[in-house]
């Protein structure tokens, strides 16, 4: 079959029904930028099911988990740091 098939997780990340994500945001090397973008998307969304914080953190965790072994260690660190930035952006304490 000549048609390439995308993984369902890539489709979810690109076309989330709950959040309108900034294009290629998870490829950024700036954890604060990732957190700000996720926060902005979650607060604008009227389709999310949880709180803005829950939706933003859920999307970040989803991306990290789905990327799995294919995620370079350096980028995984950036995304893990983005979790702390996200907590701070929503006024929550770091874990």
N, C-alpha and C. Protein backbone atom coordinates (compact mmCIF):
# COMPACT_ATOMS: atom_id res chain seq x y z
N UNK A 1 0.84 -1.17 0.00
CA UNK A 1 0.00 0.00 0.00
C UNK A 1 0.89 1.24 0.00
N UNK A 2 0.66 2.16 -0.90
CA UNK A 2 1.50 3.34 -1.05
C UNK A 2 1.17 4.44 -0.04
N UNK A 3 -0.01 4.40 0.52
CA UNK A 3 -0.43 5.42 1.48
C UNK A 3 0.27 5.16 2.81
N UNK A 4 0.95 6.18 3.32
CA UNK A 4 1.61 6.00 4.62
C UNK A 4 0.57 6.18 5.73
N UNK A 5 0.69 5.38 6.73
CA UNK A 5 -0.25 5.45 7.84
C UNK A 5 0.44 6.06 9.05
N UNK A 6 -0.16 7.09 9.60
CA UNK A 6 0.38 7.71 10.80
C UNK A 6 -0.08 6.92 12.02
N UNK A 7 0.72 6.97 13.04
CA UNK A 7 0.30 6.36 14.30
C UNK A 7 -0.81 7.22 14.89
N UNK A 8 -1.73 6.58 15.59
CA UNK A 8 -2.85 7.30 16.18
C UNK A 8 -2.37 8.37 17.15
N UNK A 9 -1.24 8.11 17.84
CA UNK A 9 -0.76 9.09 18.82
C UNK A 9 -0.27 10.37 18.14
N UNK A 10 0.32 10.25 16.97
CA UNK A 10 0.75 11.44 16.23
C UNK A 10 -0.46 12.24 15.80
N UNK A 11 -1.50 11.53 15.40
CA UNK A 11 -2.74 12.20 15.00
C UNK A 11 -3.36 12.96 16.17
N UNK A 12 -3.35 12.36 17.36
CA UNK A 12 -3.91 13.01 18.55
C UNK A 12 -3.09 14.26 18.88
N UNK A 13 -1.78 14.14 18.85
CA UNK A 13 -0.92 15.27 19.18
C UNK A 13 -1.14 16.42 18.20
N UNK A 14 -1.28 16.11 16.93
CA UNK A 14 -1.45 17.15 15.92
C UNK A 14 -2.85 17.72 15.88
N UNK A 15 -3.85 16.90 16.20
CA UNK A 15 -5.23 17.33 16.06
C UNK A 15 -6.03 17.03 17.32
N UNK A 16 -5.51 17.44 18.45
CA UNK A 16 -6.20 17.21 19.71
C UNK A 16 -7.59 17.82 19.66
N UNK A 17 -8.57 17.07 20.15
CA UNK A 17 -9.92 17.60 20.19
C UNK A 17 -10.11 18.56 21.35
N UNK A 18 -9.24 18.50 22.33
CA UNK A 18 -9.39 19.33 23.52
C UNK A 18 -8.57 20.61 23.46
N UNK A 19 -7.40 20.55 22.83
CA UNK A 19 -6.52 21.73 22.80
C UNK A 19 -6.06 22.02 21.38
N UNK A 20 -5.98 23.29 21.05
CA UNK A 20 -5.38 23.71 19.79
C UNK A 20 -3.93 24.03 20.09
N UNK A 21 -3.04 23.11 19.72
CA UNK A 21 -1.63 23.24 20.07
C UNK A 21 -0.86 24.06 19.05
N UNK A 22 0.10 24.81 19.56
CA UNK A 22 1.03 25.53 18.70
C UNK A 22 1.83 24.48 17.92
N UNK A 23 2.00 24.70 16.65
CA UNK A 23 2.69 23.74 15.80
C UNK A 23 4.14 23.52 16.28
N UNK A 24 4.54 22.28 16.39
CA UNK A 24 5.90 21.85 16.77
C UNK A 24 6.31 22.32 18.17
N UNK A 25 5.35 22.62 19.03
CA UNK A 25 5.70 23.15 20.36
C UNK A 25 6.53 22.15 21.17
N UNK A 26 6.30 20.87 21.01
CA UNK A 26 7.03 19.88 21.80
C UNK A 26 8.47 19.70 21.33
N UNK A 27 8.83 20.34 20.23
CA UNK A 27 10.21 20.29 19.73
C UNK A 27 11.05 21.46 20.24
N UNK A 28 10.42 22.39 20.94
CA UNK A 28 11.13 23.55 21.48
C UNK A 28 12.18 23.11 22.51
N UNK A 29 13.25 23.89 22.62
CA UNK A 29 14.26 23.60 23.64
C UNK A 29 14.09 24.50 24.86
N UNK A 30 12.96 25.19 24.94
CA UNK A 30 12.68 26.11 26.04
C UNK A 30 11.48 25.62 26.85
N UNK A 31 11.73 25.04 28.04
CA UNK A 31 10.63 24.51 28.85
C UNK A 31 9.57 25.55 29.20
N UNK A 32 9.99 26.79 29.44
CA UNK A 32 9.04 27.85 29.79
C UNK A 32 8.13 28.16 28.61
N UNK A 33 8.68 28.16 27.41
CA UNK A 33 7.89 28.43 26.21
C UNK A 33 6.84 27.33 26.02
N UNK A 34 7.24 26.09 26.23
CA UNK A 34 6.31 24.96 26.10
C UNK A 34 5.17 25.13 27.11
N UNK A 35 5.53 25.44 28.35
CA UNK A 35 4.53 25.59 29.41
C UNK A 35 3.58 26.75 29.10
N UNK A 36 4.11 27.87 28.67
CA UNK A 36 3.25 29.03 28.34
C UNK A 36 2.29 28.69 27.21
N UNK A 37 2.79 27.99 26.21
CA UNK A 37 1.96 27.63 25.07
C UNK A 37 0.84 26.66 25.48
N UNK A 38 1.19 25.65 26.27
CA UNK A 38 0.18 24.69 26.74
C UNK A 38 -0.86 25.38 27.63
N UNK A 39 -0.40 26.27 28.49
CA UNK A 39 -1.31 26.99 29.38
C UNK A 39 -2.28 27.84 28.55
N UNK A 40 -1.74 28.57 27.60
CA UNK A 40 -2.55 29.43 26.74
C UNK A 40 -3.60 28.59 25.99
N UNK A 41 -3.18 27.46 25.42
CA UNK A 41 -4.09 26.59 24.67
C UNK A 41 -5.17 26.02 25.58
N UNK A 42 -4.79 25.60 26.77
CA UNK A 42 -5.75 24.99 27.70
C UNK A 42 -6.76 26.02 28.20
N UNK A 43 -6.30 27.24 28.45
CA UNK A 43 -7.21 28.26 28.95
C UNK A 43 -8.18 28.75 27.86
N UNK A 44 -7.76 28.71 26.61
CA UNK A 44 -8.63 29.14 25.50
C UNK A 44 -9.67 28.08 25.14
N UNK A 45 -9.36 26.82 25.40
CA UNK A 45 -10.21 25.73 24.95
C UNK A 45 -11.53 25.66 25.72
N UNK A 46 -12.59 25.45 24.96
CA UNK A 46 -13.90 25.22 25.57
C UNK A 46 -14.31 23.76 25.38
N UNK A 47 -13.41 22.96 24.81
CA UNK A 47 -13.70 21.55 24.54
C UNK A 47 -13.07 20.60 25.55
N UNK A 48 -12.22 21.13 26.41
CA UNK A 48 -11.53 20.26 27.36
C UNK A 48 -12.50 19.73 28.40
N UNK A 49 -12.12 18.60 29.00
CA UNK A 49 -13.00 17.98 29.99
C UNK A 49 -12.60 18.35 31.42
N UNK A 50 -11.32 18.55 31.66
CA UNK A 50 -10.85 18.88 33.00
C UNK A 50 -10.54 20.36 33.13
N UNK A 51 -9.79 20.68 34.17
CA UNK A 51 -9.35 22.06 34.36
C UNK A 51 -8.28 22.38 33.31
N UNK A 52 -7.99 23.65 33.10
CA UNK A 52 -6.91 23.99 32.16
C UNK A 52 -5.59 23.32 32.54
N UNK A 53 -5.26 23.31 33.83
CA UNK A 53 -4.02 22.67 34.28
C UNK A 53 -4.02 21.18 33.93
N UNK A 54 -5.12 20.49 34.24
CA UNK A 54 -5.20 19.06 33.97
C UNK A 54 -5.05 18.77 32.48
N UNK A 55 -5.69 19.57 31.66
CA UNK A 55 -5.62 19.36 30.22
C UNK A 55 -4.21 19.60 29.68
N UNK A 56 -3.57 20.66 30.14
CA UNK A 56 -2.22 20.98 29.69
C UNK A 56 -1.23 19.91 30.12
N UNK A 57 -1.28 19.51 31.38
CA UNK A 57 -0.37 18.50 31.89
C UNK A 57 -0.63 17.15 31.22
N UNK A 58 -1.88 16.85 31.00
CA UNK A 58 -2.24 15.60 30.34
C UNK A 58 -1.65 15.52 28.93
N UNK A 59 -1.74 16.61 28.19
CA UNK A 59 -1.20 16.62 26.83
C UNK A 59 0.32 16.48 26.86
N UNK A 60 0.97 17.13 27.80
CA UNK A 60 2.42 17.04 27.93
C UNK A 60 2.83 15.60 28.28
N UNK A 61 2.17 15.01 29.22
CA UNK A 61 2.47 13.62 29.60
C UNK A 61 2.17 12.66 28.45
N UNK A 62 1.08 12.91 27.76
CA UNK A 62 0.73 12.07 26.60
C UNK A 62 1.86 12.08 25.58
N UNK A 63 2.36 13.28 25.28
CA UNK A 63 3.43 13.39 24.28
C UNK A 63 4.69 12.66 24.75
N UNK A 64 5.08 12.86 26.00
CA UNK A 64 6.28 12.21 26.54
C UNK A 64 6.12 10.69 26.49
N UNK A 65 4.98 10.19 26.92
CA UNK A 65 4.75 8.74 26.95
C UNK A 65 4.69 8.13 25.56
N UNK A 66 4.07 8.81 24.63
CA UNK A 66 3.94 8.28 23.27
C UNK A 66 5.25 8.34 22.51
N UNK A 67 6.07 9.34 22.78
CA UNK A 67 7.36 9.45 22.08
C UNK A 67 8.29 8.34 22.54
N UNK A 68 8.17 7.97 23.81
CA UNK A 68 8.91 6.84 24.35
C UNK A 68 10.39 6.82 24.04
N UNK A 69 10.84 5.70 23.51
CA UNK A 69 12.26 5.48 23.23
C UNK A 69 12.77 6.39 22.11
N UNK A 70 11.87 6.89 21.28
CA UNK A 70 12.28 7.74 20.16
C UNK A 70 12.60 9.17 20.58
N UNK A 71 12.31 9.50 21.82
CA UNK A 71 12.56 10.86 22.32
C UNK A 71 14.00 10.96 22.80
N UNK A 72 14.79 11.85 22.17
CA UNK A 72 16.18 12.01 22.62
C UNK A 72 16.22 12.44 24.09
N UNK A 73 17.22 11.99 24.81
CA UNK A 73 17.35 12.27 26.24
C UNK A 73 17.32 13.78 26.52
N UNK A 74 17.98 14.55 25.68
CA UNK A 74 18.02 16.01 25.86
C UNK A 74 16.62 16.60 25.78
N UNK A 75 15.82 16.15 24.81
CA UNK A 75 14.46 16.68 24.65
C UNK A 75 13.55 16.18 25.77
N UNK A 76 13.78 14.96 26.22
CA UNK A 76 12.99 14.45 27.34
C UNK A 76 13.21 15.31 28.58
N UNK A 77 14.45 15.72 28.80
CA UNK A 77 14.76 16.60 29.94
C UNK A 77 14.02 17.93 29.80
N UNK A 78 14.03 18.49 28.60
CA UNK A 78 13.33 19.76 28.35
C UNK A 78 11.84 19.59 28.68
N UNK A 79 11.24 18.50 28.23
CA UNK A 79 9.82 18.28 28.47
C UNK A 79 9.52 18.01 29.94
N UNK A 80 10.40 17.30 30.61
CA UNK A 80 10.23 17.08 32.06
C UNK A 80 10.33 18.42 32.80
N UNK A 81 11.27 19.27 32.38
CA UNK A 81 11.39 20.60 32.98
C UNK A 81 10.15 21.44 32.70
N UNK A 82 9.53 21.21 31.55
CA UNK A 82 8.31 21.95 31.19
C UNK A 82 7.18 21.62 32.17
N UNK A 83 7.19 20.42 32.74
CA UNK A 83 6.17 20.07 33.73
C UNK A 83 6.28 21.01 34.93
N UNK A 84 7.51 21.25 35.40
CA UNK A 84 7.69 22.16 36.52
C UNK A 84 7.29 23.59 36.15
N UNK A 85 7.64 24.00 34.94
CA UNK A 85 7.26 25.33 34.46
C UNK A 85 5.74 25.46 34.39
N UNK A 86 5.08 24.39 33.98
CA UNK A 86 3.62 24.39 33.89
C UNK A 86 3.00 24.52 35.27
N UNK A 87 3.54 23.80 36.23
CA UNK A 87 3.04 23.91 37.61
C UNK A 87 3.18 25.34 38.11
N UNK A 88 4.34 25.94 37.85
CA UNK A 88 4.56 27.32 38.28
C UNK A 88 3.62 28.28 37.57
N UNK A 89 3.40 28.06 36.28
CA UNK A 89 2.53 28.93 35.48
C UNK A 89 1.10 28.92 36.02
N UNK A 90 0.68 27.79 36.58
CA UNK A 90 -0.66 27.69 37.15
C UNK A 90 -0.66 27.96 38.65
N UNK A 91 0.47 28.39 39.19
CA UNK A 91 0.54 28.75 40.61
C UNK A 91 0.58 27.57 41.54
N UNK A 92 1.05 26.43 41.04
CA UNK A 92 1.17 25.23 41.88
C UNK A 92 2.63 25.01 42.23
N UNK A 93 2.87 24.27 43.28
CA UNK A 93 4.25 24.02 43.71
C UNK A 93 4.91 22.95 42.86
N UNK A 94 6.23 23.02 42.79
CA UNK A 94 6.99 21.97 42.11
C UNK A 94 6.93 20.70 42.91
N UNK A 95 6.96 19.57 42.18
CA UNK A 95 7.00 18.28 42.88
C UNK A 95 8.42 17.86 43.10
